[in-house]
PDB file of N, CA and C in Angstrom:
ATOM      1  N   UNK A   1      89.438 101.072  87.356  1.00  0.00           N
ATOM      2  CA  UNK A   1      88.767 101.073  88.780  1.00  0.00           C
ATOM      3  C   UNK A   1      87.300 100.926  88.629  1.00  0.00           C
ATOM      4  N   UNK A   2      86.680 100.162  89.338  1.00  0.00           N
ATOM      5  CA  UNK A   2      85.224  99.960  89.407  1.00  0.00           C
ATOM      6  C   UNK A   2      84.693 100.317  90.763  1.00  0.00           C
ATOM      7  N   UNK A   3      83.731 101.066  90.686  1.00  0.00           N
ATOM      8  CA  UNK A   3      83.247 101.590  92.036  1.00  0.00           C
ATOM      9  C   UNK A   3      81.709 101.441  92.190  1.00  0.00           C
ATOM     10  N   UNK A   4      81.150 101.113  93.332  1.00  0.00           N
ATOM     11  CA  UNK A   4      79.760 101.299  93.562  1.00  0.00           C
ATOM     12  C   UNK A   4      79.730 102.294  94.820  1.00  0.00           C
ATOM     13  N   UNK A   5      78.549 102.362  95.403  1.00  0.00           N
ATOM     14  CA  UNK A   5      78.327 103.287  96.472  1.00  0.00           C
ATOM     15  C   UNK A   5      79.228 102.847  97.711  1.00  0.00           C
ATOM     16  N   UNK A   6      79.495 101.618  97.903  1.00  0.00           N
ATOM     17  CA  UNK A   6      80.288 101.169  99.124  1.00  0.00           C
ATOM     18  C   UNK A   6      81.516 100.479  98.964  1.00  0.00           C
ATOM     19  N   UNK A   7      81.886 100.057  97.515  1.00  0.00           N
ATOM     20  CA  UNK A   7      82.938  99.266  97.315  1.00  0.00           C
ATOM     21  C   UNK A   7      83.767  99.712  96.088  1.00  0.00           C
ATOM     22  N   UNK A   8      85.092  99.782  96.359  1.00  0.00           N
ATOM     23  CA  UNK A   8      85.974 100.059  95.112  1.00  0.00           C
ATOM     24  C   UNK A   8      86.929  98.913  94.715  1.00  0.00           C
ATOM     25  N   UNK A   9      86.987  98.581  93.500  1.00  0.00           N
ATOM     26  CA  UNK A   9      87.792  97.387  93.068  1.00  0.00           C
ATOM     27  C   UNK A   9      88.829  98.029  92.084  1.00  0.00           C
ATOM     28  N   UNK A  10      90.017  97.928  92.405  1.00  0.00           N
ATOM     29  CA  UNK A  10      91.067  98.536  91.523  1.00  0.00           C
ATOM     30  C   UNK A  10      91.883  97.478  90.790  1.00  0.00           C
ATOM     31  N   UNK A  11      92.080  97.729  89.665  1.00  0.00           N
ATOM     32  CA  UNK A  11      93.007  96.911  88.756  1.00  0.00           C
ATOM     33  C   UNK A  11      94.347  97.486  88.807  1.00  0.00           C
ATOM     34  N   UNK A  12      94.916  97.240  87.603  1.00  0.00           N
ATOM     35  CA  UNK A  12      96.370  97.688  87.337  1.00  0.00           C
ATOM     36  C   UNK A  12      96.384  99.194  87.542  1.00  0.00           C
ATOM     37  N   UNK A  13      97.318  99.932  88.049  1.00  0.00           N
ATOM     38  CA  UNK A  13      97.151 101.306  88.184  1.00  0.00           C
ATOM     39  C   UNK A  13      97.463 102.088  86.870  1.00  0.00           C
ATOM     40  N   UNK A  14      96.993 103.407  86.814  1.00  0.00           N
ATOM     41  CA  UNK A  14      97.189 104.110  85.527  1.00  0.00           C
ATOM     42  C   UNK A  14      98.762 104.148  85.211  1.00  0.00           C
ATOM     43  N   UNK A  15      99.061 104.283  83.977  1.00  0.00           N
ATOM     44  CA  UNK A  15     100.501 104.408  83.610  1.00  0.00           C
ATOM     45  C   UNK A  15     101.270 105.530  84.432  1.00  0.00           C
ATOM     46  N   UNK A  16     102.340 105.303  84.925  1.00  0.00           N
ATOM     47  CA  UNK A  16     103.199 106.163  85.701  1.00  0.00           C
ATOM     48  C   UNK A  16     102.719 106.192  87.217  1.00  0.00           C
ATOM     49  N   UNK A  17     101.800 105.439  87.566  1.00  0.00           N
ATOM     50  CA  UNK A  17     101.313 105.471  89.030  1.00  0.00           C
ATOM     51  C   UNK A  17     101.503 104.259  89.745  1.00  0.00           C
ATOM     52  N   UNK A  18     101.775 104.309  90.977  1.00  0.00           N
ATOM     53  CA  UNK A  18     101.798 103.195  91.883  1.00  0.00           C
ATOM     54  C   UNK A  18     100.560 102.615  92.373  1.00  0.00           C
ATOM     55  N   UNK A  19      99.362 103.316  92.145  1.00  0.00           N
ATOM     56  CA  UNK A  19      98.096 102.828  92.385  1.00  0.00           C
ATOM     57  C   UNK A  19      97.071 103.810  92.295  1.00  0.00           C
ATOM     58  N   UNK A  20      95.772 103.463  92.382  1.00  0.00           N
ATOM     59  CA  UNK A  20      94.701 104.215  92.252  1.00  0.00           C
ATOM     60  C   UNK A  20      94.448 104.971  93.719  1.00  0.00           C
ATOM     61  N   UNK A  21      94.372 106.248  93.652  1.00  0.00           N
ATOM     62  CA  UNK A  21      94.253 107.047  94.820  1.00  0.00           C
ATOM     63  C   UNK A  21      92.761 107.083  95.219  1.00  0.00           C
ATOM     64  N   UNK A  22      92.622 106.679  96.596  1.00  0.00           N
ATOM     65  CA  UNK A  22      91.246 106.804  97.094  1.00  0.00           C
ATOM     66  C   UNK A  22      91.218 107.439  98.462  1.00  0.00           C
ATOM     67  N   UNK A  23      90.115 107.928  98.972  1.00  0.00           N
ATOM     68  CA  UNK A  23      89.949 108.505 100.341  1.00  0.00           C
ATOM     69  C   UNK A  23      88.719 107.890 100.971  1.00  0.00           C
ATOM     70  N   UNK A  24      88.743 107.582 102.214  1.00  0.00           N
ATOM     71  CA  UNK A  24      87.441 107.254 102.860  1.00  0.00           C
ATOM     72  C   UNK A  24      87.575 107.673 104.340  1.00  0.00           C
ATOM     73  N   UNK A  25      86.533 107.394 105.075  1.00  0.00           N
ATOM     74  CA  UNK A  25      86.411 107.908 106.409  1.00  0.00           C
ATOM     75  C   UNK A  25      85.581 108.995 106.737  1.00  0.00           C
ATOM     76  N   UNK A  26      85.367 109.294 107.904  1.00  0.00           N
ATOM     77  CA  UNK A  26      84.604 110.534 108.249  1.00  0.00           C
ATOM     78  C   UNK A  26      85.455 111.755 107.953  1.00  0.00           C
ATOM     79  N   UNK A  27      84.621 112.842 107.867  1.00  0.00           N
ATOM     80  CA  UNK A  27      85.542 113.961 107.377  1.00  0.00           C
ATOM     81  C   UNK A  27      86.294 114.484 108.451  1.00  0.00           C
ATOM     82  N   UNK A  28      86.245 114.149 109.622  1.00  0.00           N
ATOM     83  CA  UNK A  28      87.156 114.507 110.799  1.00  0.00           C
ATOM     84  C   UNK A  28      88.490 113.708 110.810  1.00  0.00           C
ATOM     85  N   UNK A  29      88.465 112.440 109.973  1.00  0.00           N
ATOM     86  CA  UNK A  29      89.668 111.607 110.083  1.00  0.00           C
ATOM     87  C   UNK A  29      89.691 110.904 108.705  1.00  0.00           C
ATOM     88  N   UNK A  30      89.887 111.500 107.587  1.00  0.00           N
ATOM     89  CA  UNK A  30      90.048 110.945 106.257  1.00  0.00           C
ATOM     90  C   UNK A  30      91.193 110.070 106.106  1.00  0.00           C
ATOM     91  N   UNK A  31      91.147 108.981 105.614  1.00  0.00           N
ATOM     92  CA  UNK A  31      92.335 108.173 105.246  1.00  0.00           C
ATOM     93  C   UNK A  31      92.657 108.115 103.846  1.00  0.00           C
ATOM     94  N   UNK A  32      93.841 107.980 103.386  1.00  0.00           N
ATOM     95  CA  UNK A  32      94.164 108.121 102.047  1.00  0.00           C
ATOM     96  C   UNK A  32      94.949 106.802 101.767  1.00  0.00           C
ATOM     97  N   UNK A  33      94.593 106.166 100.607  1.00  0.00           N
ATOM     98  CA  UNK A  33      95.276 104.879 100.204  1.00  0.00           C
ATOM     99  C   UNK A  33      95.577 104.853  98.631  1.00  0.00           C
ATOM    100  N   UNK A  34      96.553 104.103  98.326  1.00  0.00           N
ATOM    101  CA  UNK A  34      96.708 103.777  96.824  1.00  0.00           C
ATOM    102  C   UNK A  34      96.238 102.247  96.857  1.00  0.00           C
ATOM    103  N   UNK A  35      95.328 102.000  95.813  1.00  0.00           N
ATOM    104  CA  UNK A  35      95.019 100.547  95.627  1.00  0.00           C
ATOM    105  C   UNK A  35      95.445 100.069  94.358  1.00  0.00           C
ATOM    106  N   UNK A  36      96.068  98.814  94.355  1.00  0.00           N
ATOM    107  CA  UNK A  36      96.561  98.222  93.097  1.00  0.00           C
ATOM    108  C   UNK A  36      95.968  96.739  93.186  1.00  0.00           C
ATOM    109  N   UNK A  37      95.164  96.311  92.272  1.00  0.00           N
ATOM    110  CA  UNK A  37      94.617  94.995  92.029  1.00  0.00           C
ATOM    111  C   UNK A  37      94.146  94.556  93.425  1.00  0.00           C
ATOM    112  N   UNK A  38      93.241  95.396  94.185  1.00  0.00           N
ATOM    113  CA  UNK A  38      92.649  95.070  95.380  1.00  0.00           C
ATOM    114  C   UNK A  38      91.411  95.817  95.527  1.00  0.00           C
ATOM    115  N   UNK A  39      90.609  95.475  96.615  1.00  0.00           N
ATOM    116  CA  UNK A  39      89.304  96.061  96.778  1.00  0.00           C
ATOM    117  C   UNK A  39      89.270  96.704  98.271  1.00  0.00           C
ATOM    118  N   UNK A  40      88.555  97.721  98.376  1.00  0.00           N
ATOM    119  CA  UNK A  40      88.186  98.268  99.823  1.00  0.00           C
ATOM    120  C   UNK A  40      86.618  98.490  99.777  1.00  0.00           C
ATOM    121  N   UNK A  41      86.033  98.121 100.882  1.00  0.00           N
ATOM    122  CA  UNK A  41      84.558  98.325 101.065  1.00  0.00           C
ATOM    123  C   UNK A  41      84.311  98.901 102.434  1.00  0.00           C
ATOM    124  N   UNK A  42      83.247  99.685 102.502  1.00  0.00           N
ATOM    125  CA  UNK A  42      82.770 100.348 103.685  1.00  0.00           C
ATOM    126  C   UNK A  42      81.282  99.964 103.886  1.00  0.00           C
ATOM    127  N   UNK A  43      80.924  99.898 105.212  1.00  0.00           N
ATOM    128  CA  UNK A  43      79.648  99.598 105.727  1.00  0.00           C
ATOM    129  C   UNK A  43      79.326 100.424 106.820  1.00  0.00           C
ATOM    130  N   UNK A  44      77.943 100.785 107.132  1.00  0.00           N
ATOM    131  CA  UNK A  44      77.750 101.543 108.231  1.00  0.00           C
ATOM    132  C   UNK A  44      76.216 102.034 108.204  1.00  0.00           C
ATOM    133  N   UNK A  45      76.021 102.894 109.225  1.00  0.00           N
ATOM    134  CA  UNK A  45      74.646 103.407 109.408  1.00  0.00           C
ATOM    135  C   UNK A  45      74.402 104.829 108.950  1.00  0.00           C
ATOM    136  N   UNK A  46      75.348 105.682 108.824  1.00  0.00           N
ATOM    137  CA  UNK A  46      74.952 107.117 108.414  1.00  0.00           C
ATOM    138  C   UNK A  46      74.000 107.280 107.172  1.00  0.00           C
ATOM    139  N   UNK A  47      74.243 106.415 106.130  1.00  0.00           N
ATOM    140  CA  UNK A  47      73.338 106.694 104.928  1.00  0.00           C
ATOM    141  C   UNK A  47      72.059 105.967 105.052  1.00  0.00           C
ATOM    142  N   UNK A  48      72.075 104.664 105.418  1.00  0.00           N
ATOM    143  CA  UNK A  48      70.806 103.835 105.472  1.00  0.00           C
ATOM    144  C   UNK A  48      70.178 103.731 106.784  1.00  0.00           C
ATOM    145  N   UNK A  49      70.790 104.316 107.828  1.00  0.00           N
ATOM    146  CA  UNK A  49      70.223 103.967 109.179  1.00  0.00           C
ATOM    147  C   UNK A  49      70.778 102.702 109.752  1.00  0.00           C
ATOM    148  N   UNK A  50      70.115 102.320 110.796  1.00  0.00           N
ATOM    149  CA  UNK A  50      70.459 100.970 111.435  1.00  0.00           C
ATOM    150  C   UNK A  50      69.962  99.775 110.582  1.00  0.00           C
ATOM    151  N   UNK A  51      70.585  99.464 109.571  1.00  0.00           N
ATOM    152  CA  UNK A  51      69.925  98.257 108.768  1.00  0.00           C
ATOM    153  C   UNK A  51      70.974  96.989 108.875  1.00  0.00           C
ATOM    154  N   UNK A  52      72.104  97.118 109.693  1.00  0.00           N
ATOM    155  CA  UNK A  52      72.926  95.976 109.669  1.00  0.00           C
ATOM    156  C   UNK A  52      72.546  95.356 111.071  1.00  0.00           C
ATOM    157  N   UNK A  53      72.175  93.979 110.988  1.00  0.00           N
ATOM    158  CA  UNK A  53      71.562  93.131 112.162  1.00  0.00           C
ATOM    159  C   UNK A  53      72.739  92.273 112.694  1.00  0.00           C
ATOM    160  N   UNK A  54      72.708  92.460 113.937  1.00  0.00           N
ATOM    161  CA  UNK A  54      73.625  91.369 114.752  1.00  0.00           C
ATOM    162  C   UNK A  54      73.106  90.089 114.896  1.00  0.00           C
ATOM    163  N   UNK A  55      73.538  89.002 114.142  1.00  0.00           N
ATOM    164  CA  UNK A  55      72.684  87.707 114.160  1.00  0.00           C
ATOM    165  C   UNK A  55      72.571  87.079 115.462  1.00  0.00           C
ATOM    166  N   UNK A  56      73.385  87.499 116.409  1.00  0.00           N
ATOM    167  CA  UNK A  56      73.314  86.925 117.766  1.00  0.00           C
ATOM    168  C   UNK A  56      72.060  87.325 118.550  1.00  0.00           C
ATOM    169  N   UNK A  57      71.740  88.669 118.204  1.00  0.00           N
ATOM    170  CA  UNK A  57      70.624  89.218 119.046  1.00  0.00           C
ATOM    171  C   UNK A  57      69.361  89.506 118.175  1.00  0.00           C
ATOM    172  N   UNK A  58      69.562  89.609 116.864  1.00  0.00           N
ATOM    173  CA  UNK A  58      68.504  89.883 116.004  1.00  0.00           C
ATOM    174  C   UNK A  58      68.134  91.353 115.908  1.00  0.00           C
ATOM    175  N   UNK A  59      68.884  92.201 116.465  1.00  0.00           N
ATOM    176  CA  UNK A  59      68.716  93.626 116.770  1.00  0.00           C
ATOM    177  C   UNK A  59      69.775  94.237 115.837  1.00  0.00           C
ATOM    178  N   UNK A  60      69.524  95.542 115.629  1.00  0.00           N
ATOM    179  CA  UNK A  60      70.581  96.329 114.833  1.00  0.00           C
ATOM    180  C   UNK A  60      71.884  96.438 115.576  1.00  0.00           C
ATOM    181  N   UNK A  61      72.987  96.271 114.843  1.00  0.00           N
ATOM    182  CA  UNK A  61      74.295  96.273 115.483  1.00  0.00           C
ATOM    183  C   UNK A  61      74.555  97.694 116.093  1.00  0.00           C
ATOM    184  N   UNK A  62      75.243  97.787 117.328  1.00  0.00           N
ATOM    185  CA  UNK A  62      75.325  99.048 117.916  1.00  0.00           C
ATOM    186  C   UNK A  62      76.797  99.407 118.318  1.00  0.00           C
ATOM    187  N   UNK A  63      77.875  98.528 118.042  1.00  0.00           N
ATOM    188  CA  UNK A  63      79.287  98.733 118.438  1.00  0.00           C
ATOM    189  C   UNK A  63      79.849  99.933 117.558  1.00  0.00           C
ATOM    190  N   UNK A  64      79.687  99.820 116.252  1.00  0.00           N
ATOM    191  CA  UNK A  64      80.389 100.758 115.306  1.00  0.00           C
ATOM    192  C   UNK A  64      79.406 101.310 114.442  1.00  0.00           C
ATOM    193  N   UNK A  65      79.561 102.643 114.182  1.00  0.00           N
ATOM    194  CA  UNK A  65      78.714 103.286 113.163  1.00  0.00           C
ATOM    195  C   UNK A  65      79.252 103.094 111.771  1.00  0.00           C
ATOM    196  N   UNK A  66      80.640 102.841 111.509  1.00  0.00           N
ATOM    197  CA  UNK A  66      81.066 102.681 110.144  1.00  0.00           C
ATOM    198  C   UNK A  66      82.181 101.709 110.260  1.00  0.00           C
ATOM    199  N   UNK A  67      82.477 101.031 109.227  1.00  0.00           N
ATOM    200  CA  UNK A  67      83.825 100.024 109.236  1.00  0.00           C
ATOM    201  C   UNK A  67      84.157  99.927 107.619  1.00  0.00           C
ATOM    202  N   UNK A  68      85.556  99.821 107.397  1.00  0.00           N
ATOM    203  CA  UNK A  68      85.976  99.594 106.156  1.00  0.00           C
ATOM    204  C   UNK A  68      86.981  98.406 106.209  1.00  0.00           C
ATOM    205  N   UNK A  69      87.035  97.635 105.131  1.00  0.00           N
ATOM    206  CA  UNK A  69      87.853  96.483 105.024  1.00  0.00           C
ATOM    207  C   UNK A  69      88.600  96.379 103.635  1.00  0.00           C
ATOM    208  N   UNK A  70      89.786  96.024 103.539  1.00  0.00           N
ATOM    209  CA  UNK A  70      90.347  95.713 102.295  1.00  0.00           C
ATOM    210  C   UNK A  70      90.696  94.233 102.165  1.00  0.00           C
ATOM    211  N   UNK A  71      90.561  93.732 100.882  1.00  0.00           N
ATOM    212  CA  UNK A  71      90.780  92.347 100.405  1.00  0.00           C
ATOM    213  C   UNK A  71      91.127  92.369  99.061  1.00  0.00           C
ATOM    214  N   UNK A  72      91.369  91.053  98.568  1.00  0.00           N
ATOM    215  CA  UNK A  72      91.776  90.931  97.241  1.00  0.00           C
ATOM    216  C   UNK A  72      90.743  91.044  96.277  1.00  0.00           C
ATOM    217  N   UNK A  73      89.443  90.690  96.777  1.00  0.00           N
ATOM    218  CA  UNK A  73      88.209  90.525  96.059  1.00  0.00           C
ATOM    219  C   UNK A  73      87.140  91.531  96.619  1.00  0.00           C
ATOM    220  N   UNK A  74      86.445  92.104  95.666  1.00  0.00           N
ATOM    221  CA  UNK A  74      85.364  93.062  96.137  1.00  0.00           C
ATOM    222  C   UNK A  74      84.388  92.526  97.191  1.00  0.00           C
ATOM    223  N   UNK A  75      84.012  91.180  96.697  1.00  0.00           N
ATOM    224  CA  UNK A  75      82.973  90.656  97.523  1.00  0.00           C
ATOM    225  C   UNK A  75      83.565  90.305  98.962  1.00  0.00           C
ATOM    226  N   UNK A  76      84.651  89.911  99.227  1.00  0.00           N
ATOM    227  CA  UNK A  76      85.367  89.634 100.502  1.00  0.00           C
ATOM    228  C   UNK A  76      85.299  90.905 101.106  1.00  0.00           C
ATOM    229  N   UNK A  77      85.793  92.034 100.587  1.00  0.00           N
ATOM    230  CA  UNK A  77      85.987  93.347 101.440  1.00  0.00           C
ATOM    231  C   UNK A  77      84.502  93.695 101.673  1.00  0.00           C
ATOM    232  N   UNK A  78      83.404  93.606 100.840  1.00  0.00           N
ATOM    233  CA  UNK A  78      82.185  93.964 101.337  1.00  0.00           C
ATOM    234  C   UNK A  78      81.643  93.196 102.491  1.00  0.00           C
ATOM    235  N   UNK A  79      81.752  91.813 102.457  1.00  0.00           N
ATOM    236  CA  UNK A  79      81.387  90.909 103.483  1.00  0.00           C
ATOM    237  C   UNK A  79      82.194  91.332 104.917  1.00  0.00           C
ATOM    238  N   UNK A  80      83.484  91.565 104.705  1.00  0.00           N
ATOM    239  CA  UNK A  80      84.233  91.916 105.932  1.00  0.00           C
ATOM    240  C   UNK A  80      83.839  93.096 106.411  1.00  0.00           C
ATOM    241  N   UNK A  81      83.604  94.105 105.779  1.00  0.00           N
ATOM    242  CA  UNK A  81      83.244  95.476 106.261  1.00  0.00           C
ATOM    243  C   UNK A  81      81.949  95.441 107.181  1.00  0.00           C
ATOM    244  N   UNK A  82      81.074  94.610 106.577  1.00  0.00           N
ATOM    245  CA  UNK A  82      79.720  94.327 107.188  1.00  0.00           C
ATOM    246  C   UNK A  82      79.973  93.582 108.497  1.00  0.00           C
ATOM    247  N   UNK A  83      80.698  92.605 108.484  1.00  0.00           N
ATOM    248  CA  UNK A  83      81.034  91.774 109.576  1.00  0.00           C
ATOM    249  C   UNK A  83      81.730  92.567 110.741  1.00  0.00           C
ATOM    250  N   UNK A  84      82.629  93.459 110.409  1.00  0.00           N
ATOM    251  CA  UNK A  84      83.200  94.317 111.434  1.00  0.00           C
ATOM    252  C   UNK A  84      82.296  95.227 112.234  1.00  0.00           C
ATOM    253  N   UNK A  85      81.197  95.636 111.540  1.00  0.00           N
ATOM    254  CA  UNK A  85      80.222  96.318 112.206  1.00  0.00           C
ATOM    255  C   UNK A  85      79.679  95.649 113.400  1.00  0.00           C
ATOM    256  N   UNK A  86      79.355  94.415 113.294  1.00  0.00           N
ATOM    257  CA  UNK A  86      78.540  93.665 114.560  1.00  0.00           C
ATOM    258  C   UNK A  86      79.739  93.020 115.420  1.00  0.00           C
ATOM    259  N   UNK A  87      81.030  92.964 115.215  1.00  0.00           N
ATOM    260  CA  UNK A  87      81.998  92.550 116.116  1.00  0.00           C
ATOM    261  C   UNK A  87      82.149  93.324 117.320  1.00  0.00           C
ATOM    262  N   UNK A  88      82.313  92.602 118.475  1.00  0.00           N
ATOM    263  CA  UNK A  88      82.553  93.299 119.713  1.00  0.00           C
ATOM    264  C   UNK A  88      84.149  93.519 119.854  1.00  0.00           C
ATOM    265  N   UNK A  89      84.580  94.359 120.721  1.00  0.00           N
ATOM    266  CA  UNK A  89      86.065  94.697 120.809  1.00  0.00           C
ATOM    267  C   UNK A  89      86.943  93.567 120.738  1.00  0.00           C
ATOM    268  N   UNK A  90      86.612  92.512 121.535  1.00  0.00           N
ATOM    269  CA  UNK A  90      87.492  91.283 121.753  1.00  0.00           C
ATOM    270  C   UNK A  90      87.590  90.514 120.280  1.00  0.00           C
ATOM    271  N   UNK A  91      86.371  90.477 119.760  1.00  0.00           N
ATOM    272  CA  UNK A  91      86.255  89.820 118.465  1.00  0.00           C
ATOM    273  C   UNK A  91      87.048  90.539 117.390  1.00  0.00           C
ATOM    274  N   UNK A  92      87.165  91.898 117.455  1.00  0.00           N
ATOM    275  CA  UNK A  92      87.884  92.495 116.326  1.00  0.00           C
ATOM    276  C   UNK A  92      89.321  92.337 116.764  1.00  0.00           C
ATOM    277  N   UNK A  93      89.737  92.318 117.872  1.00  0.00           N
ATOM    278  CA  UNK A  93      91.313  92.087 118.090  1.00  0.00           C
ATOM    279  C   UNK A  93      91.576  90.718 117.714  1.00  0.00           C
ATOM    280  N   UNK A  94      90.820  89.619 117.956  1.00  0.00           N
ATOM    281  CA  UNK A  94      91.083  88.248 117.525  1.00  0.00           C
ATOM    282  C   UNK A  94      91.004  88.125 115.956  1.00  0.00           C
ATOM    283  N   UNK A  95      90.107  88.883 115.235  1.00  0.00           N
ATOM    284  CA  UNK A  95      90.086  88.853 113.845  1.00  0.00           C
ATOM    285  C   UNK A  95      91.335  89.410 113.292  1.00  0.00           C
ATOM    286  N   UNK A  96      91.771  90.684 113.881  1.00  0.00           N
ATOM    287  CA  UNK A  96      92.866  91.215 113.132  1.00  0.00           C
ATOM    288  C   UNK A  96      94.181  90.426 113.459  1.00  0.00           C
ATOM    289  N   UNK A  97      94.274  89.816 114.532  1.00  0.00           N
ATOM    290  CA  UNK A  97      95.479  88.943 114.950  1.00  0.00           C
ATOM    291  C   UNK A  97      95.483  87.800 114.045  1.00  0.00           C
ATOM    292  N   UNK A  98      94.387  87.192 113.617  1.00  0.00           N
ATOM    293  CA  UNK A  98      94.272  85.819 113.009  1.00  0.00           C
ATOM    294  C   UNK A  98      94.265  86.151 111.436  1.00  0.00           C
ATOM    295  N   UNK A  99      94.036  87.388 110.994  1.00  0.00           N
ATOM    296  CA  UNK A  99      93.848  87.636 109.509  1.00  0.00           C
ATOM    297  C   UNK A  99      94.620  88.829 109.245  1.00  0.00           C
ATOM    298  N   UNK A 100      95.849  88.846 109.216  1.00  0.00           N
ATOM    299  CA  UNK A 100      96.745  89.952 109.048  1.00  0.00           C
ATOM    300  C   UNK A 100      96.597  90.580 107.639  1.00  0.00           C
ATOM    301  N   UNK A 101      96.107  89.733 106.656  1.00  0.00           N
ATOM    302  CA  UNK A 101      96.212  90.144 105.207  1.00  0.00           C
ATOM    303  C   UNK A 101      95.082  91.162 104.913  1.00  0.00           C
ATOM    304  N   UNK A 102      94.070  91.496 105.792  1.00  0.00           N
ATOM    305  CA  UNK A 102      93.125  92.333 105.625  1.00  0.00           C
ATOM    306  C   UNK A 102      93.319  93.693 106.436  1.00  0.00           C
ATOM    307  N   UNK A 103      93.607  94.691 105.861  1.00  0.00           N
ATOM    308  CA  UNK A 103      93.568  96.170 106.451  1.00  0.00           C
ATOM    309  C   UNK A 103      92.040  96.380 106.824  1.00  0.00           C
ATOM    310  N   UNK A 104      91.874  97.086 108.087  1.00  0.00           N
ATOM    311  CA  UNK A 104      90.679  97.285 108.525  1.00  0.00           C
ATOM    312  C   UNK A 104      90.512  98.525 109.558  1.00  0.00           C
ATOM    313  N   UNK A 105      89.604  99.229 109.433  1.00  0.00           N
ATOM    314  CA  UNK A 105      89.227 100.388 110.198  1.00  0.00           C
ATOM    315  C   UNK A 105      87.778 100.366 110.803  1.00  0.00           C
ATOM    316  N   UNK A 106      87.445 101.017 111.890  1.00  0.00           N
ATOM    317  CA  UNK A 106      86.254 101.052 112.532  1.00  0.00           C
ATOM    318  C   UNK A 106      85.961 102.334 113.042  1.00  0.00           C
ATOM    319  N   UNK A 107      84.690 102.878 112.996  1.00  0.00           N
ATOM    320  CA  UNK A 107      84.502 104.126 113.677  1.00  0.00           C
ATOM    321  C   UNK A 107      83.426 103.905 114.645  1.00  0.00           C
ATOM    322  N   UNK A 108      83.951 103.724 115.766  1.00  0.00           N
ATOM    323  CA  UNK A 108      82.978 103.273 117.112  1.00  0.00           C
ATOM    324  C   UNK A 108      81.930 104.347 117.257  1.00  0.00           C
ATOM    325  N   UNK A 109      80.659 103.768 117.822  1.00  0.00           N
ATOM    326  CA  UNK A 109      79.584 104.786 118.040  1.00  0.00           C
ATOM    327  C   UNK A 109      80.084 105.871 119.018  1.00  0.00           C
ATOM    328  N   UNK A 110      79.773 107.093 118.542  1.00  0.00           N
ATOM    329  CA  UNK A 110      80.018 108.108 119.541  1.00  0.00           C
ATOM    330  C   UNK A 110      81.383 108.752 119.341  1.00  0.00           C
ATOM    331  N   UNK A 111      82.146 108.265 118.319  1.00  0.00           N
ATOM    332  CA  UNK A 111      83.472 108.824 118.077  1.00  0.00           C
ATOM    333  C   UNK A 111      83.586 109.481 116.725  1.00  0.00           C
ATOM    334  N   UNK A 112      84.567 110.335 116.578  1.00  0.00           N
ATOM    335  CA  UNK A 112      84.746 111.002 115.192  1.00  0.00           C
ATOM    336  C   UNK A 112      86.193 110.610 114.628  1.00  0.00           C
ATOM    337  N   UNK A 113      86.805 109.745 115.293  1.00  0.00           N
ATOM    338  CA  UNK A 113      88.192 109.266 114.794  1.00  0.00           C
ATOM    339  C   UNK A 113      88.127 107.714 114.520  1.00  0.00           C
ATOM    340  N   UNK A 114      88.669 107.459 113.422  1.00  0.00           N
ATOM    341  CA  UNK A 114      88.761 105.944 113.194  1.00  0.00           C
ATOM    342  C   UNK A 114      89.601 105.190 114.125  1.00  0.00           C
ATOM    343  N   UNK A 115      89.282 104.083 114.313  1.00  0.00           N
ATOM    344  CA  UNK A 115      90.186 103.172 115.074  1.00  0.00           C
ATOM    345  C   UNK A 115      90.782 102.158 114.024  1.00  0.00           C
ATOM    346  N   UNK A 116      92.098 102.150 113.945  1.00  0.00           N
ATOM    347  CA  UNK A 116      92.887 101.322 113.051  1.00  0.00           C
ATOM    348  C   UNK A 116      92.976 100.059 113.706  1.00  0.00           C
ATOM    349  N   UNK A 117      92.441  99.049 112.905  1.00  0.00           N
ATOM    350  CA  UNK A 117      92.578  97.543 113.379  1.00  0.00           C
ATOM    351  C   UNK A 117      93.903  97.037 112.820  1.00  0.00           C
ATOM    352  N   UNK A 118      93.989  97.212 111.498  1.00  0.00           N
ATOM    353  CA  UNK A 118      95.096  96.659 110.754  1.00  0.00           C
ATOM    354  C   UNK A 118      95.570  97.692 109.815  1.00  0.00           C
ATOM    355  N   UNK A 119      96.734  98.308 109.927  1.00  0.00           N
ATOM    356  CA  UNK A 119      97.250  99.128 108.765  1.00  0.00           C
ATOM    357  C   UNK A 119      97.418  98.247 107.540  1.00  0.00           C
ATOM    358  N   UNK A 120      97.335  98.894 106.349  1.00  0.00           N
ATOM    359  CA  UNK A 120      97.688  98.310 105.066  1.00  0.00           C
ATOM    360  C   UNK A 120      99.103  97.853 105.060  1.00  0.00           C
ATOM    361  N   UNK A 121      99.329  96.749 104.361  1.00  0.00           N
ATOM    362  CA  UNK A 121     100.787  96.374 104.128  1.00  0.00           C
ATOM    363  C   UNK A 121     100.952  95.924 102.631  1.00  0.00           C
ATOM    364  N   UNK A 122     102.077  96.026 102.135  1.00  0.00           N
ATOM    365  CA  UNK A 122     102.320  95.520 100.896  1.00  0.00           C
ATOM    366  C   UNK A 122     102.021  96.460  99.672  1.00  0.00           C
ATOM    367  N   UNK A 123     102.330  96.081  98.443  1.00  0.00           N
ATOM    368  CA  UNK A 123     101.977  97.048  97.453  1.00  0.00           C
ATOM    369  C   UNK A 123     100.628  97.184  96.995  1.00  0.00           C
ATOM    370  N   UNK A 124      99.730  96.300  97.344  1.00  0.00           N
ATOM    371  CA  UNK A 124      98.370  96.265  96.958  1.00  0.00           C
ATOM    372  C   UNK A 124      97.489  97.459  97.717  1.00  0.00           C
ATOM    373  N   UNK A 125      97.950  97.626  98.957  1.00  0.00           N
ATOM    374  CA  UNK A 125      97.361  98.675  99.812  1.00  0.00           C
ATOM    375  C   UNK A 125      98.438  99.559 100.415  1.00  0.00           C
ATOM    376  N   UNK A 126      98.654 100.815  99.809  1.00  0.00           N
ATOM    377  CA  UNK A 126      99.642 101.598 100.295  1.00  0.00           C
ATOM    378  C   UNK A 126      99.017 102.857 100.956  1.00  0.00           C
ATOM    379  N   UNK A 127      99.553 103.120 102.061  1.00  0.00           N
ATOM    380  CA  UNK A 127      99.060 104.354 102.825  1.00  0.00           C
ATOM    381  C   UNK A 127      99.536 105.543 102.096  1.00  0.00           C
ATOM    382  N   UNK A 128      98.756 106.516 101.808  1.00  0.00           N
ATOM    383  CA  UNK A 128      99.013 107.716 101.036  1.00  0.00           C
ATOM    384  C   UNK A 128      98.980 108.811 101.759  1.00  0.00           C
ATOM    385  N   UNK A 129      98.999 108.791 103.159  1.00  0.00           N
ATOM    386  CA  UNK A 129      98.963 109.839 104.085  1.00  0.00           C
ATOM    387  C   UNK A 129     100.183 110.616 104.039  1.00  0.00           C
TER     388      UNK A 129
END
C-alpha cells in the first residue's frame, strides 16, 4: 500500500485478506472499502481552501467541497477526483453513466452526507460497510 495525503494505491492484499481496508469521507458519513490493485484519491477545499479552479469561469469551484474517485491507476484517480469537484450535477450524471468503471462520491457544498455517484463494483473495490 502506497499513500500520500490525498491518494492511496493498493497492490496485492496482505496474506489472508481480500483487500487493503481504507476509510474516507467526512466524519458524519465515513465510507469503508477494501482495495486490491487499485487506487482511490480525494480532492477538496477543507485542507487547502478554495484552490481548485473551474476552467470555464477561472474562479474557484463551488459545487462540491470534496470528491473521491477510484481507478486502476493513482494518477487517474487523482485527476478524476479533481475533475468531479468542478462538475455541475448534469455533468456528474453523464460522467457516471458513461464511465461505470470508476466508483465516485462527492460532498456537495453545505452538506454533511456523501452523494454516491457510482458504487464500487468488482473485486478491486469492495464495499466494507
